[in-house]
Amino acid sequence: MISGTKLIAVWIFLLFLTGATALVAEPYTLTIGLAAIVLLVTVVKASLLVDHFMGLKNAPLMWRGLLLGYAPVLAICITLTYAF
């Protein structure tokens, strides 16, 4: 079980990442590079959510792999869709 202090630290880091991506992406014209950076940060946030808030850090590999693999696959699909 993860401690409450660590969960709060992860939550604050998630808030920081969300704010940073909003500040970076909002004022600029969307380019493929910017979209890839924002989606990469989204993948990092998804891994933090799966491991810490969903408690799957020690889960069976199949379940953890499915949930951790979903965000990168989705990010690649969105980036490729935007690129072409």
PDB file of N, CA and C in Angstrom:
ATOM      1  N   MET A   1       0.839  -1.182   0.000  1.00  0.00           N
ATOM      2  CA  MET A   1       0.000   0.000   0.000  1.00  0.00           C
ATOM      3  C   MET A   1       0.883   1.244   0.000  1.00  0.00           C
ATOM      4  N   ILE A   2       0.500   2.196  -0.761  1.00  0.00           N
ATOM      5  CA  ILE A   2       1.263   3.438  -0.872  1.00  0.00           C
ATOM      6  C   ILE A   2       0.806   4.420   0.201  1.00  0.00           C
ATOM      7  N   SER A   3       1.740   5.198   0.724  1.00  0.00           N
ATOM      8  CA  SER A   3       1.393   6.122   1.808  1.00  0.00           C
ATOM      9  C   SER A   3       0.615   7.317   1.276  1.00  0.00           C
ATOM     10  N   GLY A   4      -0.134   7.934   2.168  1.00  0.00           N
ATOM     11  CA  GLY A   4      -0.924   9.095   1.795  1.00  0.00           C
ATOM     12  C   GLY A   4      -0.065  10.270   1.358  1.00  0.00           C
ATOM     13  N   THR A   5       1.097  10.417   1.979  1.00  0.00           N
ATOM     14  CA  THR A   5       2.000  11.511   1.626  1.00  0.00           C
ATOM     15  C   THR A   5       2.511  11.346   0.195  1.00  0.00           C
ATOM     16  N   LYS A   6       2.842  10.117  -0.176  1.00  0.00           N
ATOM     17  CA  LYS A   6       3.332   9.877  -1.536  1.00  0.00           C
ATOM     18  C   LYS A   6       2.221  10.094  -2.558  1.00  0.00           C
ATOM     19  N   LEU A   7       1.008   9.687  -2.223  1.00  0.00           N
ATOM     20  CA  LEU A   7      -0.115   9.920  -3.130  1.00  0.00           C
ATOM     21  C   LEU A   7      -0.355  11.410  -3.347  1.00  0.00           C
ATOM     22  N   ILE A   8      -0.241  12.192  -2.294  1.00  0.00           N
ATOM     23  CA  ILE A   8      -0.421  13.636  -2.425  1.00  0.00           C
ATOM     24  C   ILE A   8       0.688  14.231  -3.293  1.00  0.00           C
ATOM     25  N   ALA A   9       1.924  13.740  -3.119  1.00  0.00           N
ATOM     26  CA  ALA A   9       3.043  14.227  -3.939  1.00  0.00           C
ATOM     27  C   ALA A   9       2.826  13.882  -5.409  1.00  0.00           C
ATOM     28  N   VAL A  10       2.374  12.679  -5.688  1.00  0.00           N
ATOM     29  CA  VAL A  10       2.096  12.276  -7.071  1.00  0.00           C
ATOM     30  C   VAL A  10       0.948  13.112  -7.627  1.00  0.00           C
ATOM     31  N   TRP A  11      -0.062  13.358  -6.829  1.00  0.00           N
ATOM     32  CA  TRP A  11      -1.198  14.166  -7.272  1.00  0.00           C
ATOM     33  C   TRP A  11      -0.761  15.588  -7.618  1.00  0.00           C
ATOM     34  N   ILE A  12       0.094  16.176  -6.778  1.00  0.00           N
ATOM     35  CA  ILE A  12       0.600  17.523  -7.057  1.00  0.00           C
ATOM     36  C   ILE A  12       1.449  17.514  -8.331  1.00  0.00           C
ATOM     37  N   PHE A  13       2.244  16.478  -8.529  1.00  0.00           N
ATOM     38  CA  PHE A  13       3.040  16.370  -9.753  1.00  0.00           C
ATOM     39  C   PHE A  13       2.134  16.245 -10.980  1.00  0.00           C
ATOM     40  N   LEU A  14       1.044  15.492 -10.857  1.00  0.00           N
ATOM     41  CA  LEU A  14       0.080  15.389 -11.953  1.00  0.00           C
ATOM     42  C   LEU A  14      -0.557  16.748 -12.260  1.00  0.00           C
ATOM     43  N   LEU A  15      -0.871  17.500 -11.218  1.00  0.00           N
ATOM     44  CA  LEU A  15      -1.398  18.848 -11.417  1.00  0.00           C
ATOM     45  C   LEU A  15      -0.384  19.734 -12.138  1.00  0.00           C
ATOM     46  N   PHE A  16       0.876  19.626 -11.734  1.00  0.00           N
ATOM     47  CA  PHE A  16       1.935  20.392 -12.392  1.00  0.00           C
ATOM     48  C   PHE A  16       2.048  20.019 -13.870  1.00  0.00           C
ATOM     49  N   LEU A  17       2.062  18.726 -14.172  1.00  0.00           N
ATOM     50  CA  LEU A  17       2.156  18.288 -15.564  1.00  0.00           C
ATOM     51  C   LEU A  17       0.964  18.765 -16.389  1.00  0.00           C
ATOM     52  N   THR A  18      -0.217  18.714 -15.811  1.00  0.00           N
ATOM     53  CA  THR A  18      -1.407  19.184 -16.508  1.00  0.00           C
ATOM     54  C   THR A  18      -1.320  20.675 -16.795  1.00  0.00           C
ATOM     55  N   GLY A  19      -0.932  21.447 -15.800  1.00  0.00           N
ATOM     56  CA  GLY A  19      -0.780  22.884 -15.994  1.00  0.00           C
ATOM     57  C   GLY A  19       0.309  23.227 -16.997  1.00  0.00           C
ATOM     58  N   ALA A  20       1.424  22.504 -16.931  1.00  0.00           N
ATOM     59  CA  ALA A  20       2.536  22.766 -17.848  1.00  0.00           C
ATOM     60  C   ALA A  20       2.139  22.485 -19.288  1.00  0.00           C
ATOM     61  N   THR A  21       1.449  21.383 -19.525  1.00  0.00           N
ATOM     62  CA  THR A  21       1.036  21.087 -20.902  1.00  0.00           C
ATOM     63  C   THR A  21       0.008  22.092 -21.390  1.00  0.00           C
ATOM     64  N   ALA A  22      -0.863  22.548 -20.520  1.00  0.00           N
ATOM     65  CA  ALA A  22      -1.848  23.558 -20.921  1.00  0.00           C
ATOM     66  C   ALA A  22      -1.161  24.874 -21.264  1.00  0.00           C
ATOM     67  N   LEU A  23      -0.189  25.273 -20.457  1.00  0.00           N
ATOM     68  CA  LEU A  23       0.523  26.515 -20.721  1.00  0.00           C
ATOM     69  C   LEU A  23       1.377  26.437 -21.984  1.00  0.00           C
ATOM     70  N   VAL A  24       1.958  25.284 -22.245  1.00  0.00           N
ATOM     71  CA  VAL A  24       2.802  25.122 -23.430  1.00  0.00           C
ATOM     72  C   VAL A  24       1.960  25.050 -24.692  1.00  0.00           C
ATOM     73  N   ALA A  25       0.874  24.330 -24.638  1.00  0.00           N
ATOM     74  CA  ALA A  25       0.105  24.063 -25.857  1.00  0.00           C
ATOM     75  C   ALA A  25      -0.884  25.161 -26.210  1.00  0.00           C
ATOM     76  N   GLU A  26      -1.370  25.899 -25.243  1.00  0.00           N
ATOM     77  CA  GLU A  26      -2.456  26.846 -25.498  1.00  0.00           C
ATOM     78  C   GLU A  26      -2.085  28.004 -26.423  1.00  0.00           C
ATOM     79  N   PRO A  27      -0.989  28.723 -26.188  1.00  0.00           N
ATOM     80  CA  PRO A  27      -0.771  29.938 -26.978  1.00  0.00           C
ATOM     81  C   PRO A  27      -0.201  29.707 -28.372  1.00  0.00           C
ATOM     82  N   TYR A  28       0.167  28.511 -28.707  1.00  0.00           N
ATOM     83  CA  TYR A  28       0.849  28.249 -29.970  1.00  0.00           C
ATOM     84  C   TYR A  28      -0.050  27.532 -30.963  1.00  0.00           C
ATOM     85  N   THR A  29       0.312  27.674 -32.222  1.00  0.00           N
ATOM     86  CA  THR A  29      -0.340  26.889 -33.261  1.00  0.00           C
ATOM     87  C   THR A  29       0.113  25.446 -33.100  1.00  0.00           C
ATOM     88  N   LEU A  30      -0.822  24.544 -33.204  1.00  0.00           N
ATOM     89  CA  LEU A  30      -0.510  23.132 -32.993  1.00  0.00           C
ATOM     90  C   LEU A  30       0.331  22.588 -34.142  1.00  0.00           C
ATOM     91  N   THR A  31       1.472  22.048 -33.812  1.00  0.00           N
ATOM     92  CA  THR A  31       2.340  21.386 -34.782  1.00  0.00           C
ATOM     93  C   THR A  31       2.468  19.925 -34.384  1.00  0.00           C
ATOM     94  N   ILE A  32       3.043  19.139 -35.266  1.00  0.00           N
ATOM     95  CA  ILE A  32       3.198  17.719 -34.972  1.00  0.00           C
ATOM     96  C   ILE A  32       4.130  17.513 -33.767  1.00  0.00           C
ATOM     97  N   GLY A  33       5.166  18.328 -33.674  1.00  0.00           N
ATOM     98  CA  GLY A  33       6.093  18.210 -32.542  1.00  0.00           C
ATOM     99  C   GLY A  33       5.435  18.558 -31.219  1.00  0.00           C
ATOM    100  N   LEU A  34       4.665  19.634 -31.223  1.00  0.00           N
ATOM    101  CA  LEU A  34       3.968  20.039 -30.007  1.00  0.00           C
ATOM    102  C   LEU A  34       2.932  18.994 -29.599  1.00  0.00           C
ATOM    103  N   ALA A  35       2.230  18.463 -30.577  1.00  0.00           N
ATOM    104  CA  ALA A  35       1.252  17.406 -30.277  1.00  0.00           C
ATOM    105  C   ALA A  35       1.941  16.181 -29.684  1.00  0.00           C
ATOM    106  N   ALA A  36       3.102  15.830 -30.234  1.00  0.00           N
ATOM    107  CA  ALA A  36       3.838  14.667 -29.727  1.00  0.00           C
ATOM    108  C   ALA A  36       4.313  14.905 -28.295  1.00  0.00           C
ATOM    109  N   ILE A  37       4.769  16.119 -27.999  1.00  0.00           N
ATOM    110  CA  ILE A  37       5.225  16.431 -26.637  1.00  0.00           C
ATOM    111  C   ILE A  37       4.067  16.355 -25.644  1.00  0.00           C
ATOM    112  N   VAL A  38       2.943  16.945 -26.004  1.00  0.00           N
ATOM    113  CA  VAL A  38       1.775  16.915 -25.116  1.00  0.00           C
ATOM    114  C   VAL A  38       1.311  15.477 -24.902  1.00  0.00           C
ATOM    115  N   LEU A  39       1.307  14.684 -25.941  1.00  0.00           N
ATOM    116  CA  LEU A  39       0.880  13.290 -25.799  1.00  0.00           C
ATOM    117  C   LEU A  39       1.901  12.464 -25.017  1.00  0.00           C
ATOM    118  N   LEU A  40       3.178  12.788 -25.138  1.00  0.00           N
ATOM    119  CA  LEU A  40       4.195  12.102 -24.344  1.00  0.00           C
ATOM    120  C   LEU A  40       3.986  12.379 -22.856  1.00  0.00           C
ATOM    121  N   VAL A  41       3.683  13.610 -22.515  1.00  0.00           N
ATOM    122  CA  VAL A  41       3.390  13.950 -21.117  1.00  0.00           C
ATOM    123  C   VAL A  41       2.129  13.215 -20.655  1.00  0.00           C
ATOM    124  N   THR A  42       1.173  13.071 -21.547  1.00  0.00           N
ATOM    125  CA  THR A  42      -0.047  12.331 -21.225  1.00  0.00           C
ATOM    126  C   THR A  42       0.261  10.870 -20.913  1.00  0.00           C
ATOM    127  N   VAL A  43       1.196  10.283 -21.641  1.00  0.00           N
ATOM    128  CA  VAL A  43       1.607   8.898 -21.381  1.00  0.00           C
ATOM    129  C   VAL A  43       2.248   8.792 -19.987  1.00  0.00           C
ATOM    130  N   VAL A  44       3.082   9.762 -19.642  1.00  0.00           N
ATOM    131  CA  VAL A  44       3.704   9.767 -18.309  1.00  0.00           C
ATOM    132  C   VAL A  44       2.628   9.874 -17.231  1.00  0.00           C
ATOM    133  N   LYS A  45       1.663  10.764 -17.449  1.00  0.00           N
ATOM    134  CA  LYS A  45       0.576  10.919 -16.477  1.00  0.00           C
ATOM    135  C   LYS A  45      -0.236   9.634 -16.351  1.00  0.00           C
ATOM    136  N   ALA A  46      -0.497   8.973 -17.466  1.00  0.00           N
ATOM    137  CA  ALA A  46      -1.255   7.716 -17.430  1.00  0.00           C
ATOM    138  C   ALA A  46      -0.505   6.656 -16.633  1.00  0.00           C
ATOM    139  N   SER A  47       0.816   6.584 -16.805  1.00  0.00           N
ATOM    140  CA  SER A  47       1.580   5.582 -16.054  1.00  0.00           C
ATOM    141  C   SER A  47       1.560   5.878 -14.552  1.00  0.00           C
ATOM    142  N   LEU A  48       1.607   7.160 -14.191  1.00  0.00           N
ATOM    143  CA  LEU A  48       1.498   7.507 -12.768  1.00  0.00           C
ATOM    144  C   LEU A  48       0.129   7.131 -12.209  1.00  0.00           C
ATOM    145  N   LEU A  49      -0.914   7.373 -12.975  1.00  0.00           N
ATOM    146  CA  LEU A  49      -2.262   7.012 -12.526  1.00  0.00           C
ATOM    147  C   LEU A  49      -2.418   5.508 -12.346  1.00  0.00           C
ATOM    148  N   VAL A  50      -1.930   4.754 -13.325  1.00  0.00           N
ATOM    149  CA  VAL A  50      -2.067   3.293 -13.261  1.00  0.00           C
ATOM    150  C   VAL A  50      -1.283   2.737 -12.074  1.00  0.00           C
ATOM    151  N   ASP A  51      -0.057   3.191 -11.908  1.00  0.00           N
ATOM    152  CA  ASP A  51       0.792   2.627 -10.860  1.00  0.00           C
ATOM    153  C   ASP A  51       0.394   3.066  -9.459  1.00  0.00           C
ATOM    154  N   HIS A  52       0.055   4.325  -9.300  1.00  0.00           N
ATOM    155  CA  HIS A  52      -0.146   4.835  -7.944  1.00  0.00           C
ATOM    156  C   HIS A  52      -1.618   4.916  -7.526  1.00  0.00           C
ATOM    157  N   PHE A  53      -2.465   5.490  -8.356  1.00  0.00           N
ATOM    158  CA  PHE A  53      -3.850   5.694  -7.943  1.00  0.00           C
ATOM    159  C   PHE A  53      -4.724   4.463  -8.192  1.00  0.00           C
ATOM    160  N   MET A  54      -4.410   3.701  -9.217  1.00  0.00           N
ATOM    161  CA  MET A  54      -5.176   2.480  -9.446  1.00  0.00           C
ATOM    162  C   MET A  54      -4.570   1.300  -8.698  1.00  0.00           C
ATOM    163  N   GLY A  55      -3.364   1.478  -8.179  1.00  0.00           N
ATOM    164  CA  GLY A  55      -2.723   0.451  -7.362  1.00  0.00           C
ATOM    165  C   GLY A  55      -2.283  -0.777  -8.126  1.00  0.00           C
ATOM    166  N   LEU A  56      -1.905  -0.608  -9.375  1.00  0.00           N
ATOM    167  CA  LEU A  56      -1.530  -1.758 -10.190  1.00  0.00           C
ATOM    168  C   LEU A  56      -0.023  -1.947 -10.320  1.00  0.00           C
ATOM    169  N   LYS A  57       0.742  -1.313  -9.455  1.00  0.00           N
ATOM    170  CA  LYS A  57       2.191  -1.431  -9.529  1.00  0.00           C
ATOM    171  C   LYS A  57       2.646  -2.879  -9.334  1.00  0.00           C
ATOM    172  N   ASN A  58       1.951  -3.620  -8.501  1.00  0.00           N
ATOM    173  CA  ASN A  58       2.297  -5.017  -8.246  1.00  0.00           C
ATOM    174  C   ASN A  58       1.249  -5.980  -8.793  1.00  0.00           C
ATOM    175  N   ALA A  59       0.447  -5.505  -9.710  1.00  0.00           N
ATOM    176  CA  ALA A  59      -0.610  -6.341 -10.303  1.00  0.00           C
ATOM    177  C   ALA A  59      -0.003  -7.324 -11.294  1.00  0.00           C
ATOM    178  N   PRO A  60      -0.770  -8.332 -11.696  1.00  0.00           N
ATOM    179  CA  PRO A  60      -0.283  -9.245 -12.731  1.00  0.00           C
ATOM    180  C   PRO A  60       0.103  -8.476 -13.991  1.00  0.00           C
ATOM    181  N   LEU A  61       1.132  -8.973 -14.653  1.00  0.00           N
ATOM    182  CA  LEU A  61       1.710  -8.285 -15.800  1.00  0.00           C
ATOM    183  C   LEU A  61       0.690  -8.026 -16.905  1.00  0.00           C
ATOM    184  N   MET A  62      -0.237  -8.938 -17.111  1.00  0.00           N
ATOM    185  CA  MET A  62      -1.221  -8.761 -18.173  1.00  0.00           C
ATOM    186  C   MET A  62      -2.061  -7.505 -17.946  1.00  0.00           C
ATOM    187  N   TRP A  63      -2.593  -7.332 -16.739  1.00  0.00           N
ATOM    188  CA  TRP A  63      -3.453  -6.187 -16.461  1.00  0.00           C
ATOM    189  C   TRP A  63      -2.673  -4.883 -16.474  1.00  0.00           C
ATOM    190  N   ARG A  64      -1.525  -4.894 -15.859  1.00  0.00           N
ATOM    191  CA  ARG A  64      -0.697  -3.689 -15.831  1.00  0.00           C
ATOM    192  C   ARG A  64      -0.232  -3.344 -17.243  1.00  0.00           C
ATOM    193  N   GLY A  65       0.160  -4.349 -18.009  1.00  0.00           N
ATOM    194  CA  GLY A  65       0.612  -4.124 -19.379  1.00  0.00           C
ATOM    195  C   GLY A  65      -0.486  -3.581 -20.278  1.00  0.00           C
ATOM    196  N   LEU A  66      -1.695  -4.104 -20.110  1.00  0.00           N
ATOM    197  CA  LEU A  66      -2.816  -3.604 -20.913  1.00  0.00           C
ATOM    198  C   LEU A  66      -3.093  -2.134 -20.628  1.00  0.00           C
ATOM    199  N   LEU A  67      -3.113  -1.775 -19.363  1.00  0.00           N
ATOM    200  CA  LEU A  67      -3.416  -0.391 -19.016  1.00  0.00           C
ATOM    201  C   LEU A  67      -2.251   0.553 -19.311  1.00  0.00           C
ATOM    202  N   LEU A  68      -1.017   0.088 -19.118  1.00  0.00           N
ATOM    203  CA  LEU A  68       0.129   0.931 -19.437  1.00  0.00           C
ATOM    204  C   LEU A  68       0.354   1.029 -20.942  1.00  0.00           C
ATOM    205  N   GLY A  69      -0.050   0.018 -21.680  1.00  0.00           N
ATOM    206  CA  GLY A  69       0.135   0.027 -23.127  1.00  0.00           C
ATOM    207  C   GLY A  69      -0.917   0.819 -23.874  1.00  0.00           C
ATOM    208  N   TYR A  70      -2.037   1.069 -23.250  1.00  0.00           N
ATOM    209  CA  TYR A  70      -3.141   1.772 -23.907  1.00  0.00           C
ATOM    210  C   TYR A  70      -2.774   3.211 -24.262  1.00  0.00           C
ATOM    211  N   ALA A  71      -2.190   3.934 -23.329  1.00  0.00           N
ATOM    212  CA  ALA A  71      -1.879   5.348 -23.560  1.00  0.00           C
ATOM    213  C   ALA A  71      -0.845   5.560 -24.665  1.00  0.00           C
ATOM    214  N   PRO A  72       0.270   4.812 -24.684  1.00  0.00           N
ATOM    215  CA  PRO A  72       1.216   5.020 -25.786  1.00  0.00           C
ATOM    216  C   PRO A  72       0.638   4.672 -27.158  1.00  0.00           C
ATOM    217  N   VAL A  73      -0.144   3.612 -27.216  1.00  0.00           N
ATOM    218  CA  VAL A  73      -0.756   3.240 -28.500  1.00  0.00           C
ATOM    219  C   VAL A  73      -1.714   4.329 -28.965  1.00  0.00           C
ATOM    220  N   LEU A  74      -2.505   4.847 -28.056  1.00  0.00           N
ATOM    221  CA  LEU A  74      -3.430   5.922 -28.392  1.00  0.00           C
ATOM    222  C   LEU A  74      -2.677   7.188 -28.807  1.00  0.00           C
ATOM    223  N   ALA A  75      -1.594   7.503 -28.096  1.00  0.00           N
ATOM    224  CA  ALA A  75      -0.792   8.682 -28.436  1.00  0.00           C
ATOM    225  C   ALA A  75      -0.162   8.549 -29.826  1.00  0.00           C
ATOM    226  N   ILE A  76       0.335   7.376 -30.153  1.00  0.00           N
ATOM    227  CA  ILE A  76       0.916   7.154 -31.484  1.00  0.00           C
ATOM    228  C   ILE A  76      -0.148   7.282 -32.560  1.00  0.00           C
ATOM    229  N   CYS A  77      -1.317   6.718 -32.314  1.00  0.00           N
ATOM    230  CA  CYS A  77      -2.414   6.814 -33.296  1.00  0.00           C
ATOM    231  C   CYS A  77      -2.830   8.273 -33.518  1.00  0.00           C
ATOM    232  N   ILE A  78      -2.940   9.032 -32.455  1.00  0.00           N
ATOM    233  CA  ILE A  78      -3.329  10.444 -32.584  1.00  0.00           C
ATOM    234  C   ILE A  78      -2.246  11.226 -33.322  1.00  0.00           C
ATOM    235  N   THR A  79      -0.984  10.992 -32.977  1.00  0.00           N
ATOM    236  CA  THR A  79       0.113  11.694 -33.635  1.00  0.00           C
ATOM    237  C   THR A  79       0.169  11.357 -35.121  1.00  0.00           C
ATOM    238  N   LEU A  80       0.017  10.085 -35.461  1.00  0.00           N
ATOM    239  CA  LEU A  80       0.045   9.690 -36.877  1.00  0.00           C
ATOM    240  C   LEU A  80      -1.164  10.232 -37.630  1.00  0.00           C
ATOM    241  N   THR A  81      -2.306  10.267 -36.971  1.00  0.00           N
ATOM    242  CA  THR A  81      -3.494  10.836 -37.606  1.00  0.00           C
ATOM    243  C   THR A  81      -3.293  12.327 -37.887  1.00  0.00           C
ATOM    244  N   TYR A  82      -2.706  13.011 -36.938  1.00  0.00           N
ATOM    245  CA  TYR A  82      -2.455  14.440 -37.130  1.00  0.00           C
ATOM    246  C   TYR A  82      -1.398  14.678 -38.200  1.00  0.00           C
ATOM    247  N   ALA A  83      -0.404  13.795 -38.275  1.00  0.00           N
ATOM    248  CA  ALA A  83       0.693  13.952 -39.242  1.00  0.00           C
ATOM    249  C   ALA A  83       0.235  13.754 -40.680  1.00  0.00           C
ATOM    250  N   PHE A  84      -0.744  12.891 -40.861  1.00  0.00           N
ATOM    251  CA  PHE A  84      -1.193  12.597 -42.228  1.00  0.00           C
ATOM    252  C   PHE A  84      -2.616  13.056 -42.385  1.00  0.00           C
TER     253      PHE A  84
END
